Amino acid sequence: MTLTEDQTLGHLLDQMDMAADGTEVSVQDVLDQIGDRSIMPVVLVIALALISPLSGIPGVPTISAIIILLIIGQSLAGRQHLWLPGFLRNRCVRADRMEKAVAFLRRPAAWVDRRSAVRLRILTSGPWRFVTLIACMVVAMIWPFLELIPFMTTIGATAVAFMSFGLLTRDGLYVLCGYGVGALLIGLALVLFKAAI
């Protein structure tokens, strides 16, 4: 089964581009563009932003982790509309940085979209959906501790992007990829922690 247009990464990147219509882009601008009932697309957009060079801006990985934890926590609690405190909704990045991030992601996103289908649906529904949401939260909780280490946030964001994209498209193969990348991040974090002590 092929994906509908609103399930593709290309569509989400278009929405990120449309949110960047001023000099700055706030979290609220992105929510307004995507909608406050779209749990997985919002998580996916945040993860995609951190795969891009935006992850190198100090504080962005930590703020992104807090937002993901709040959003997924609300989803697990059964909320229908997203709620974020004002200090998070009003966080901004420069619009030109957002546009560069979107341009950076266009080619890999098109590659993923061409290779996506509904597969291994058991991993995207029922108890496994719950497990995947918890896994996204666990990976996001690690980001603040690894923010200053190059590429570590990008690895974690890739894991969350795979898992959230898999849930959005019902493609369990991407969920499995997300588990693998998440396990890599946790392994690297443990190695670094042991080296530090």
N, C-alpha and C. Protein backbone atom coordinates (compact mmCIF):
# COMPACT_ATOMS: atom_id res chain seq x y z
N MET A 1 0.85 -1.19 0.00
CA MET A 1 0.00 0.00 0.00
C MET A 1 0.89 1.25 0.00
N THR A 2 0.64 2.15 -0.93
CA THR A 2 1.45 3.36 -1.02
C THR A 2 0.98 4.41 -0.02
N LEU A 3 1.85 5.37 0.29
CA LEU A 3 1.54 6.40 1.26
C LEU A 3 0.68 7.48 0.64
N THR A 4 -0.20 8.07 1.46
CA THR A 4 -0.92 9.26 1.01
C THR A 4 0.03 10.45 1.12
N GLU A 5 -0.28 11.52 0.40
CA GLU A 5 0.63 12.67 0.35
C GLU A 5 0.92 13.22 1.74
N ASP A 6 -0.11 13.27 2.61
CA ASP A 6 0.11 13.88 3.93
C ASP A 6 0.90 12.98 4.87
N GLN A 7 1.24 11.77 4.43
CA GLN A 7 2.07 10.89 5.24
C GLN A 7 3.55 10.99 4.87
N THR A 8 3.88 11.70 3.80
CA THR A 8 5.25 11.71 3.32
C THR A 8 6.11 12.73 4.05
N LEU A 9 7.41 12.47 4.06
CA LEU A 9 8.35 13.43 4.62
C LEU A 9 8.39 14.70 3.80
N GLY A 10 8.24 14.56 2.49
CA GLY A 10 8.22 15.73 1.63
C GLY A 10 7.12 16.70 2.01
N HIS A 11 5.95 16.18 2.35
CA HIS A 11 4.83 17.02 2.76
C HIS A 11 5.15 17.76 4.07
N LEU A 12 5.75 17.06 5.01
CA LEU A 12 6.12 17.70 6.27
C LEU A 12 7.17 18.79 6.07
N LEU A 13 8.11 18.54 5.18
CA LEU A 13 9.11 19.56 4.89
C LEU A 13 8.46 20.78 4.24
N ASP A 14 7.47 20.55 3.39
CA ASP A 14 6.73 21.68 2.81
C ASP A 14 6.07 22.52 3.90
N GLN A 15 5.51 21.84 4.90
CA GLN A 15 4.87 22.56 6.00
C GLN A 15 5.88 23.33 6.84
N MET A 16 7.06 22.75 7.04
CA MET A 16 8.11 23.47 7.75
C MET A 16 8.53 24.72 6.98
N ASP A 17 8.62 24.58 5.66
CA ASP A 17 8.96 25.73 4.81
C ASP A 17 7.90 26.83 4.92
N MET A 18 6.62 26.42 4.93
CA MET A 18 5.54 27.41 5.01
C MET A 18 5.52 28.11 6.36
N ALA A 19 5.96 27.41 7.41
CA ALA A 19 6.01 28.05 8.73
C ALA A 19 7.10 29.12 8.78
N ALA A 20 8.11 28.98 7.91
CA ALA A 20 9.24 29.92 7.92
C ALA A 20 8.97 31.09 6.97
N ASP A 21 7.88 31.82 7.20
CA ASP A 21 7.52 32.91 6.28
C ASP A 21 7.86 34.29 6.83
N GLY A 22 8.53 34.36 7.97
CA GLY A 22 8.94 35.64 8.54
C GLY A 22 10.44 35.65 8.76
N THR A 23 10.88 36.44 9.71
CA THR A 23 12.31 36.47 10.02
C THR A 23 12.68 35.40 11.04
N GLU A 24 11.69 34.97 11.84
CA GLU A 24 11.90 33.92 12.82
C GLU A 24 10.76 32.91 12.74
N VAL A 25 11.06 31.69 13.19
CA VAL A 25 10.05 30.62 13.24
C VAL A 25 9.95 30.15 14.69
N SER A 26 8.74 30.20 15.23
CA SER A 26 8.53 29.74 16.60
C SER A 26 7.93 28.34 16.59
N VAL A 27 7.98 27.69 17.73
CA VAL A 27 7.32 26.40 17.87
C VAL A 27 5.83 26.55 17.58
N GLN A 28 5.24 27.67 18.01
CA GLN A 28 3.82 27.90 17.75
C GLN A 28 3.53 28.01 16.25
N ASP A 29 4.44 28.62 15.49
CA ASP A 29 4.26 28.71 14.03
C ASP A 29 4.18 27.32 13.42
N VAL A 30 5.04 26.42 13.89
CA VAL A 30 5.04 25.05 13.35
C VAL A 30 3.75 24.34 13.74
N LEU A 31 3.31 24.51 15.01
CA LEU A 31 2.06 23.88 15.45
C LEU A 31 0.88 24.42 14.65
N ASP A 32 0.88 25.72 14.39
CA ASP A 32 -0.22 26.31 13.60
C ASP A 32 -0.26 25.72 12.21
N GLN A 33 0.91 25.44 11.65
CA GLN A 33 0.97 24.92 10.29
C GLN A 33 0.55 23.45 10.23
N ILE A 34 0.98 22.68 11.22
CA ILE A 34 0.71 21.23 11.21
C ILE A 34 -0.62 20.89 11.86
N GLY A 35 -0.97 21.63 12.90
CA GLY A 35 -2.20 21.35 13.63
C GLY A 35 -1.90 20.76 14.99
N ASP A 36 -2.71 21.14 15.99
CA ASP A 36 -2.42 20.71 17.35
C ASP A 36 -3.00 19.35 17.69
N ARG A 37 -3.55 18.65 16.69
CA ARG A 37 -4.04 17.29 16.92
C ARG A 37 -3.13 16.26 16.25
N SER A 38 -2.07 16.72 15.64
CA SER A 38 -1.19 15.85 14.86
C SER A 38 0.03 15.46 15.69
N ILE A 39 -0.14 14.48 16.55
CA ILE A 39 0.92 14.10 17.49
C ILE A 39 2.18 13.65 16.76
N MET A 40 2.07 12.62 15.94
CA MET A 40 3.27 12.05 15.32
C MET A 40 3.90 12.98 14.30
N PRO A 41 3.13 13.71 13.48
CA PRO A 41 3.80 14.67 12.59
C PRO A 41 4.60 15.73 13.33
N VAL A 42 4.10 16.20 14.48
CA VAL A 42 4.85 17.20 15.24
C VAL A 42 6.13 16.59 15.79
N VAL A 43 6.06 15.39 16.35
CA VAL A 43 7.27 14.71 16.85
C VAL A 43 8.26 14.50 15.70
N LEU A 44 7.74 14.11 14.55
CA LEU A 44 8.60 13.87 13.39
C LEU A 44 9.27 15.15 12.93
N VAL A 45 8.54 16.25 12.88
CA VAL A 45 9.13 17.53 12.47
C VAL A 45 10.26 17.94 13.41
N ILE A 46 10.05 17.77 14.71
CA ILE A 46 11.09 18.12 15.68
C ILE A 46 12.33 17.25 15.47
N ALA A 47 12.12 15.96 15.27
CA ALA A 47 13.25 15.05 15.05
C ALA A 47 13.98 15.40 13.75
N LEU A 48 13.25 15.70 12.70
CA LEU A 48 13.87 16.09 11.43
C LEU A 48 14.71 17.34 11.59
N ALA A 49 14.19 18.30 12.35
CA ALA A 49 14.94 19.54 12.57
C ALA A 49 16.28 19.25 13.24
N LEU A 50 16.31 18.25 14.12
CA LEU A 50 17.55 17.94 14.83
C LEU A 50 18.50 17.06 14.03
N ILE A 51 18.01 16.46 12.96
CA ILE A 51 18.92 15.74 12.06
C ILE A 51 19.71 16.76 11.23
N SER A 52 19.11 17.91 11.03
CA SER A 52 19.72 18.98 10.23
C SER A 52 20.75 19.75 11.07
N PRO A 53 21.42 20.74 10.46
CA PRO A 53 22.38 21.56 11.22
C PRO A 53 21.76 22.35 12.38
N LEU A 54 20.44 22.40 12.49
CA LEU A 54 19.82 23.09 13.63
C LEU A 54 20.24 22.47 14.96
N SER A 55 20.63 21.20 14.94
CA SER A 55 21.02 20.53 16.18
C SER A 55 22.28 21.14 16.79
N GLY A 56 23.03 21.91 15.99
CA GLY A 56 24.25 22.53 16.50
C GLY A 56 24.02 23.82 17.25
N ILE A 57 22.77 24.32 17.27
CA ILE A 57 22.47 25.55 17.99
C ILE A 57 22.34 25.22 19.48
N PRO A 58 23.13 25.86 20.35
CA PRO A 58 23.05 25.53 21.78
C PRO A 58 21.64 25.67 22.35
N GLY A 59 21.22 24.68 23.09
CA GLY A 59 19.91 24.71 23.72
C GLY A 59 18.81 24.08 22.90
N VAL A 60 18.97 24.01 21.58
CA VAL A 60 17.91 23.46 20.73
C VAL A 60 17.64 21.98 21.04
N PRO A 61 18.67 21.12 21.18
CA PRO A 61 18.38 19.72 21.52
C PRO A 61 17.64 19.56 22.85
N THR A 62 18.01 20.34 23.85
CA THR A 62 17.35 20.24 25.16
C THR A 62 15.90 20.69 25.08
N ILE A 63 15.65 21.83 24.46
CA ILE A 63 14.28 22.32 24.30
C ILE A 63 13.45 21.32 23.49
N SER A 64 14.05 20.77 22.43
CA SER A 64 13.35 19.79 21.59
C SER A 64 13.00 18.54 22.39
N ALA A 65 13.92 18.09 23.24
CA ALA A 65 13.65 16.90 24.07
C ALA A 65 12.49 17.16 25.02
N ILE A 66 12.45 18.34 25.64
CA ILE A 66 11.35 18.67 26.55
C ILE A 66 10.02 18.67 25.81
N ILE A 67 10.00 19.26 24.60
CA ILE A 67 8.76 19.31 23.82
C ILE A 67 8.30 17.91 23.46
N ILE A 68 9.24 17.05 23.02
CA ILE A 68 8.86 15.68 22.65
C ILE A 68 8.31 14.93 23.85
N LEU A 69 8.95 15.08 25.01
CA LEU A 69 8.47 14.40 26.22
C LEU A 69 7.06 14.86 26.58
N LEU A 70 6.81 16.16 26.48
CA LEU A 70 5.47 16.68 26.79
C LEU A 70 4.43 16.19 25.79
N ILE A 71 4.79 16.21 24.51
CA ILE A 71 3.83 15.81 23.47
C ILE A 71 3.49 14.32 23.58
N ILE A 72 4.52 13.47 23.69
CA ILE A 72 4.25 12.03 23.77
C ILE A 72 3.55 11.69 25.08
N GLY A 73 3.94 12.37 26.17
CA GLY A 73 3.25 12.15 27.43
C GLY A 73 1.77 12.44 27.33
N GLN A 74 1.43 13.52 26.64
CA GLN A 74 0.01 13.86 26.45
C GLN A 74 -0.69 12.82 25.57
N SER A 75 0.02 12.34 24.56
CA SER A 75 -0.56 11.31 23.70
C SER A 75 -0.86 10.04 24.50
N LEU A 76 0.09 9.64 25.35
CA LEU A 76 -0.12 8.44 26.17
C LEU A 76 -1.25 8.63 27.17
N ALA A 77 -1.47 9.89 27.59
CA ALA A 77 -2.55 10.18 28.53
C ALA A 77 -3.90 10.33 27.82
N GLY A 78 -3.89 10.27 26.50
CA GLY A 78 -5.14 10.32 25.75
C GLY A 78 -5.64 11.70 25.38
N ARG A 79 -4.81 12.74 25.52
CA ARG A 79 -5.24 14.09 25.13
C ARG A 79 -5.42 14.18 23.62
N GLN A 80 -6.43 14.93 23.19
CA GLN A 80 -6.71 15.09 21.76
C GLN A 80 -6.02 16.31 21.17
N HIS A 81 -5.74 17.32 21.99
CA HIS A 81 -5.08 18.54 21.51
C HIS A 81 -3.78 18.74 22.28
N LEU A 82 -2.76 19.16 21.57
CA LEU A 82 -1.47 19.39 22.20
C LEU A 82 -1.50 20.66 23.04
N TRP A 83 -0.81 20.61 24.16
CA TRP A 83 -0.63 21.79 25.00
C TRP A 83 0.84 21.92 25.32
N LEU A 84 1.36 23.13 25.16
CA LEU A 84 2.73 23.43 25.55
C LEU A 84 2.74 24.75 26.31
N PRO A 85 3.57 24.87 27.34
CA PRO A 85 3.65 26.16 28.06
C PRO A 85 4.20 27.25 27.14
N GLY A 86 3.88 28.49 27.47
CA GLY A 86 4.24 29.61 26.62
C GLY A 86 5.72 29.72 26.33
N PHE A 87 6.58 29.43 27.33
CA PHE A 87 8.01 29.59 27.10
C PHE A 87 8.54 28.60 26.06
N LEU A 88 7.84 27.48 25.86
CA LEU A 88 8.22 26.55 24.80
C LEU A 88 7.59 26.93 23.47
N ARG A 89 6.30 27.32 23.50
CA ARG A 89 5.62 27.70 22.26
C ARG A 89 6.29 28.89 21.59
N ASN A 90 6.88 29.76 22.40
CA ASN A 90 7.46 30.99 21.87
C ASN A 90 8.94 30.87 21.52
N ARG A 91 9.54 29.70 21.70
CA ARG A 91 10.94 29.51 21.32
C ARG A 91 11.08 29.64 19.81
N CYS A 92 12.11 30.36 19.37
CA CYS A 92 12.27 30.67 17.94
C CYS A 92 13.65 30.29 17.42
N VAL A 93 13.71 30.05 16.13
CA VAL A 93 14.97 30.01 15.39
C VAL A 93 14.81 30.93 14.19
N ARG A 94 15.92 31.37 13.64
CA ARG A 94 15.85 32.25 12.48
C ARG A 94 15.25 31.49 11.29
N ALA A 95 14.41 32.19 10.53
CA ALA A 95 13.73 31.55 9.39
C ALA A 95 14.73 31.05 8.36
N ASP A 96 15.83 31.78 8.13
CA ASP A 96 16.79 31.33 7.13
C ASP A 96 17.46 30.03 7.56
N ARG A 97 17.65 29.83 8.87
CA ARG A 97 18.21 28.56 9.35
C ARG A 97 17.22 27.42 9.13
N MET A 98 15.95 27.69 9.35
CA MET A 98 14.93 26.67 9.10
C MET A 98 14.90 26.30 7.61
N GLU A 99 14.97 27.31 6.76
CA GLU A 99 14.93 27.04 5.32
C GLU A 99 16.14 26.23 4.87
N LYS A 100 17.31 26.53 5.44
CA LYS A 100 18.51 25.75 5.11
C LYS A 100 18.38 24.31 5.61
N ALA A 101 17.78 24.16 6.79
CA ALA A 101 17.58 22.81 7.34
C ALA A 101 16.65 22.00 6.44
N VAL A 102 15.57 22.64 5.98
CA VAL A 102 14.62 21.95 5.09
C VAL A 102 15.31 21.55 3.79
N ALA A 103 16.10 22.47 3.21
CA ALA A 103 16.82 22.17 1.97
C ALA A 103 17.78 21.01 2.17
N PHE A 104 18.45 20.97 3.33
CA PHE A 104 19.40 19.91 3.67
C PHE A 104 18.70 18.55 3.69
N LEU A 105 17.43 18.53 4.11
CA LEU A 105 16.70 17.28 4.31
C LEU A 105 15.94 16.80 3.08
N ARG A 106 15.82 17.64 2.05
CA ARG A 106 14.97 17.30 0.90
C ARG A 106 15.38 15.99 0.22
N ARG A 107 16.65 15.84 -0.10
CA ARG A 107 17.08 14.66 -0.85
C ARG A 107 16.91 13.37 -0.04
N PRO A 108 17.41 13.31 1.22
CA PRO A 108 17.18 12.06 1.98
C PRO A 108 15.70 11.78 2.23
N ALA A 109 14.89 12.82 2.40
CA ALA A 109 13.46 12.62 2.61
C ALA A 109 12.80 12.00 1.38
N ALA A 110 13.19 12.48 0.20
CA ALA A 110 12.63 11.91 -1.03
C ALA A 110 13.03 10.45 -1.18
N TRP A 111 14.27 10.12 -0.79
CA TRP A 111 14.73 8.73 -0.85
C TRP A 111 13.89 7.85 0.06
N VAL A 112 13.65 8.31 1.29
CA VAL A 112 12.84 7.54 2.24
C VAL A 112 11.40 7.39 1.73
N ASP A 113 10.82 8.47 1.22
CA ASP A 113 9.43 8.42 0.74
C ASP A 113 9.26 7.39 -0.37
N ARG A 114 10.24 7.30 -1.26
CA ARG A 114 10.14 6.35 -2.38
C ARG A 114 10.21 4.90 -1.90
N ARG A 115 10.75 4.68 -0.72
CA ARG A 115 10.95 3.32 -0.22
C ARG A 115 10.03 2.97 0.95
N SER A 116 8.96 3.73 1.12
CA SER A 116 8.04 3.50 2.23
C SER A 116 6.77 2.81 1.76
N ALA A 117 6.25 1.96 2.62
CA ALA A 117 5.00 1.26 2.34
C ALA A 117 4.44 0.76 3.67
N VAL A 118 3.23 0.26 3.65
CA VAL A 118 2.65 -0.30 4.86
C VAL A 118 3.18 -1.72 5.03
N ARG A 119 4.03 -1.91 6.05
CA ARG A 119 4.68 -3.19 6.30
C ARG A 119 4.75 -3.45 7.79
N LEU A 120 4.79 -4.71 8.18
CA LEU A 120 4.97 -5.09 9.58
C LEU A 120 4.07 -4.26 10.50
N ARG A 121 2.79 -4.19 10.17
CA ARG A 121 1.86 -3.31 10.89
C ARG A 121 1.74 -3.66 12.36
N ILE A 122 2.07 -4.88 12.73
CA ILE A 122 1.98 -5.27 14.14
C ILE A 122 2.85 -4.37 15.02
N LEU A 123 3.94 -3.83 14.44
CA LEU A 123 4.86 -2.98 15.21
C LEU A 123 4.37 -1.53 15.34
N THR A 124 3.26 -1.21 14.66
CA THR A 124 2.80 0.18 14.67
C THR A 124 1.42 0.35 15.30
N SER A 125 0.92 -0.69 15.91
CA SER A 125 -0.41 -0.59 16.53
C SER A 125 -0.44 -1.42 17.81
N GLY A 126 -1.51 -1.23 18.58
CA GLY A 126 -1.68 -1.99 19.81
C GLY A 126 -0.56 -1.75 20.80
N PRO A 127 -0.14 -2.78 21.52
CA PRO A 127 0.91 -2.62 22.55
C PRO A 127 2.23 -2.13 21.98
N TRP A 128 2.56 -2.52 20.74
CA TRP A 128 3.84 -2.12 20.17
C TRP A 128 3.89 -0.62 19.90
N ARG A 129 2.74 -0.01 19.60
CA ARG A 129 2.72 1.45 19.43
C ARG A 129 3.12 2.11 20.75
N PHE A 130 2.56 1.61 21.85
CA PHE A 130 2.89 2.13 23.17
C PHE A 130 4.39 1.98 23.45
N VAL A 131 4.95 0.82 23.13
CA VAL A 131 6.37 0.57 23.34
C VAL A 131 7.21 1.56 22.54
N THR A 132 6.80 1.81 21.30
CA THR A 132 7.56 2.72 20.44
C THR A 132 7.51 4.15 20.96
N LEU A 133 6.36 4.58 21.45
CA LEU A 133 6.25 5.93 22.03
C LEU A 133 7.15 6.07 23.26
N ILE A 134 7.18 5.04 24.09
CA ILE A 134 8.08 5.06 25.25
C ILE A 134 9.54 5.10 24.81
N ALA A 135 9.86 4.35 23.76
CA ALA A 135 11.24 4.34 23.25
C ALA A 135 11.63 5.74 22.75
N CYS A 136 10.71 6.44 22.09
CA CYS A 136 10.99 7.81 21.64
C CYS A 136 11.29 8.71 22.83
N MET A 137 10.54 8.54 23.91
CA MET A 137 10.76 9.36 25.11
C MET A 137 12.12 9.05 25.73
N VAL A 138 12.49 7.78 25.81
CA VAL A 138 13.77 7.39 26.41
C VAL A 138 14.93 7.99 25.62
N VAL A 139 14.85 7.90 24.29
CA VAL A 139 15.92 8.46 23.46
C VAL A 139 16.00 9.97 23.64
N ALA A 140 14.86 10.65 23.66
CA ALA A 140 14.85 12.11 23.81
C ALA A 140 15.42 12.53 25.17
N MET A 141 15.20 11.74 26.21
CA MET A 141 15.72 12.09 27.53
C MET A 141 17.25 12.12 27.58
N ILE A 142 17.89 11.43 26.64
CA ILE A 142 19.35 11.38 26.62
C ILE A 142 19.94 12.65 25.99
N TRP A 143 19.20 13.32 25.11
CA TRP A 143 19.75 14.43 24.33
C TRP A 143 20.39 15.53 25.17
N PRO A 144 19.75 16.01 26.24
CA PRO A 144 20.38 17.11 26.99
C PRO A 144 21.77 16.77 27.52
N PHE A 145 22.01 15.50 27.85
CA PHE A 145 23.30 15.10 28.41
C PHE A 145 24.38 14.97 27.34
N LEU A 146 23.95 14.87 26.07
CA LEU A 146 24.91 14.66 24.98
C LEU A 146 24.98 15.85 24.03
N GLU A 147 24.35 16.95 24.43
CA GLU A 147 24.20 18.08 23.52
C GLU A 147 25.53 18.63 23.02
N LEU A 148 26.56 18.62 23.85
CA LEU A 148 27.83 19.23 23.47
C LEU A 148 28.75 18.27 22.71
N ILE A 149 28.32 17.02 22.54
CA ILE A 149 29.14 16.04 21.82
C ILE A 149 28.67 16.00 20.37
N PRO A 150 29.55 16.31 19.40
CA PRO A 150 29.14 16.37 18.00
C PRO A 150 28.45 15.09 17.52
N PHE A 151 27.38 15.27 16.78
CA PHE A 151 26.63 14.21 16.10
C PHE A 151 25.79 13.31 17.01
N MET A 152 25.95 13.39 18.31
CA MET A 152 25.18 12.50 19.18
C MET A 152 23.69 12.82 19.14
N THR A 153 23.36 14.11 19.16
CA THR A 153 21.94 14.48 19.06
C THR A 153 21.37 14.06 17.72
N THR A 154 22.17 14.19 16.67
CA THR A 154 21.71 13.79 15.33
C THR A 154 21.38 12.30 15.30
N ILE A 155 22.21 11.48 15.95
CA ILE A 155 21.93 10.04 16.00
C ILE A 155 20.62 9.79 16.73
N GLY A 156 20.43 10.45 17.88
CA GLY A 156 19.19 10.28 18.62
C GLY A 156 17.98 10.76 17.85
N ALA A 157 18.13 11.90 17.17
CA ALA A 157 17.02 12.44 16.38
C ALA A 157 16.67 11.51 15.22
N THR A 158 17.69 10.87 14.65
CA THR A 158 17.43 9.90 13.58
C THR A 158 16.60 8.73 14.09
N ALA A 159 16.91 8.27 15.29
CA ALA A 159 16.14 7.17 15.89
C ALA A 159 14.68 7.57 16.07
N VAL A 160 14.45 8.76 16.64
CA VAL A 160 13.08 9.22 16.87
C VAL A 160 12.37 9.47 15.54
N ALA A 161 13.09 9.99 14.55
CA ALA A 161 12.48 10.22 13.23
C ALA A 161 12.03 8.90 12.60
N PHE A 162 12.89 7.89 12.66
CA PHE A 162 12.51 6.58 12.11
C PHE A 162 11.27 6.03 12.82
N MET A 163 11.27 6.07 14.14
CA MET A 163 10.15 5.50 14.89
C MET A 163 8.85 6.28 14.65
N SER A 164 8.92 7.60 14.69
CA SER A 164 7.71 8.39 14.49
C SER A 164 7.21 8.29 13.05
N PHE A 165 8.14 8.23 12.08
CA PHE A 165 7.73 8.06 10.69
C PHE A 165 7.08 6.69 10.50
N GLY A 166 7.64 5.67 11.13
CA GLY A 166 7.04 4.35 11.05
C GLY A 166 5.63 4.31 11.62
N LEU A 167 5.42 5.00 12.75
CA LEU A 167 4.07 5.05 13.33
C LEU A 167 3.12 5.84 12.45
N LEU A 168 3.60 6.93 11.88
CA LEU A 168 2.76 7.77 11.02
C LEU A 168 2.31 7.03 9.77
N THR A 169 3.22 6.26 9.17
CA THR A 169 2.93 5.61 7.90
C THR A 169 2.53 4.14 8.04
N ARG A 170 2.54 3.63 9.27
CA ARG A 170 2.26 2.21 9.55
C ARG A 170 3.32 1.31 8.91
N ASP A 171 4.53 1.82 8.83
CA ASP A 171 5.64 1.05 8.25
C ASP A 171 6.54 0.56 9.38
N GLY A 172 6.32 -0.68 9.79
CA GLY A 172 7.06 -1.24 10.91
C GLY A 172 8.54 -1.41 10.64
N LEU A 173 8.95 -1.43 9.37
CA LEU A 173 10.36 -1.55 9.06
C LEU A 173 11.12 -0.33 9.57
N TYR A 174 10.52 0.86 9.45
CA TYR A 174 11.17 2.07 9.96
C TYR A 174 11.18 2.09 11.49
N VAL A 175 10.16 1.52 12.11
CA VAL A 175 10.17 1.40 13.57
C VAL A 175 11.36 0.55 14.01
N LEU A 176 11.58 -0.58 13.30
CA LEU A 176 12.72 -1.44 13.63
C LEU A 176 14.04 -0.70 13.45
N CYS A 177 14.15 0.08 12.37
CA CYS A 177 15.36 0.88 12.16
C CYS A 177 15.56 1.85 13.31
N GLY A 178 14.46 2.46 13.77
CA GLY A 178 14.54 3.39 14.89
C GLY A 178 15.02 2.72 16.16
N TYR A 179 14.55 1.49 16.41
CA TYR A 179 15.03 0.74 17.58
C TYR A 179 16.53 0.51 17.47
N GLY A 180 17.00 0.15 16.27
CA GLY A 180 18.42 -0.12 16.09
C GLY A 180 19.27 1.12 16.32
N VAL A 181 18.87 2.25 15.76
CA VAL A 181 19.63 3.48 15.93
C VAL A 181 19.56 3.95 17.38
N GLY A 182 18.40 3.78 18.02
CA GLY A 182 18.27 4.14 19.43
C GLY A 182 19.17 3.30 20.31
N ALA A 183 19.28 2.01 20.01
CA ALA A 183 20.17 1.13 20.77
C ALA A 183 21.62 1.56 20.58
N LEU A 184 21.98 2.00 19.36
CA LEU A 184 23.33 2.50 19.10
C LEU A 184 23.62 3.73 19.96
N LEU A 185 22.65 4.65 20.01
CA LEU A 185 22.84 5.87 20.81
C LEU A 185 23.04 5.53 22.29
N ILE A 186 22.19 4.64 22.81
CA ILE A 186 22.31 4.27 24.22
C ILE A 186 23.65 3.59 24.50
N GLY A 187 24.09 2.74 23.57
CA GLY A 187 25.39 2.09 23.73
C GLY A 187 26.52 3.09 23.75
N LEU A 188 26.49 4.05 22.82
CA LEU A 188 27.53 5.09 22.79
C LEU A 188 27.51 5.94 24.05
N ALA A 189 26.29 6.25 24.53
CA ALA A 189 26.16 7.06 25.75
C ALA A 189 26.75 6.32 26.95
N LEU A 190 26.54 5.01 27.03
CA LEU A 190 27.10 4.23 28.13
C LEU A 190 28.62 4.18 28.07
N VAL A 191 29.15 4.04 26.85
CA VAL A 191 30.61 4.03 26.69
C VAL A 191 31.19 5.36 27.14
N LEU A 192 30.57 6.47 26.73
CA LEU A 192 31.07 7.79 27.12
C LEU A 192 30.96 8.00 28.63
N PHE A 193 29.87 7.51 29.21
CA PHE A 193 29.69 7.66 30.65
C PHE A 193 30.77 6.89 31.41
N LYS A 194 31.04 5.66 30.98
CA LYS A 194 32.07 4.85 31.64
C LYS A 194 33.45 5.49 31.48
N ALA A 195 33.68 6.08 30.29
CA ALA A 195 34.98 6.73 30.05
C ALA A 195 35.14 7.96 30.95
N ALA A 196 34.01 8.63 31.24
CA ALA A 196 34.06 9.86 32.04
C ALA A 196 34.32 9.56 33.51
N ILE A 197 33.93 8.38 33.97
CA ILE A 197 34.13 8.04 35.37
C ILE A 197 35.33 7.10 35.48
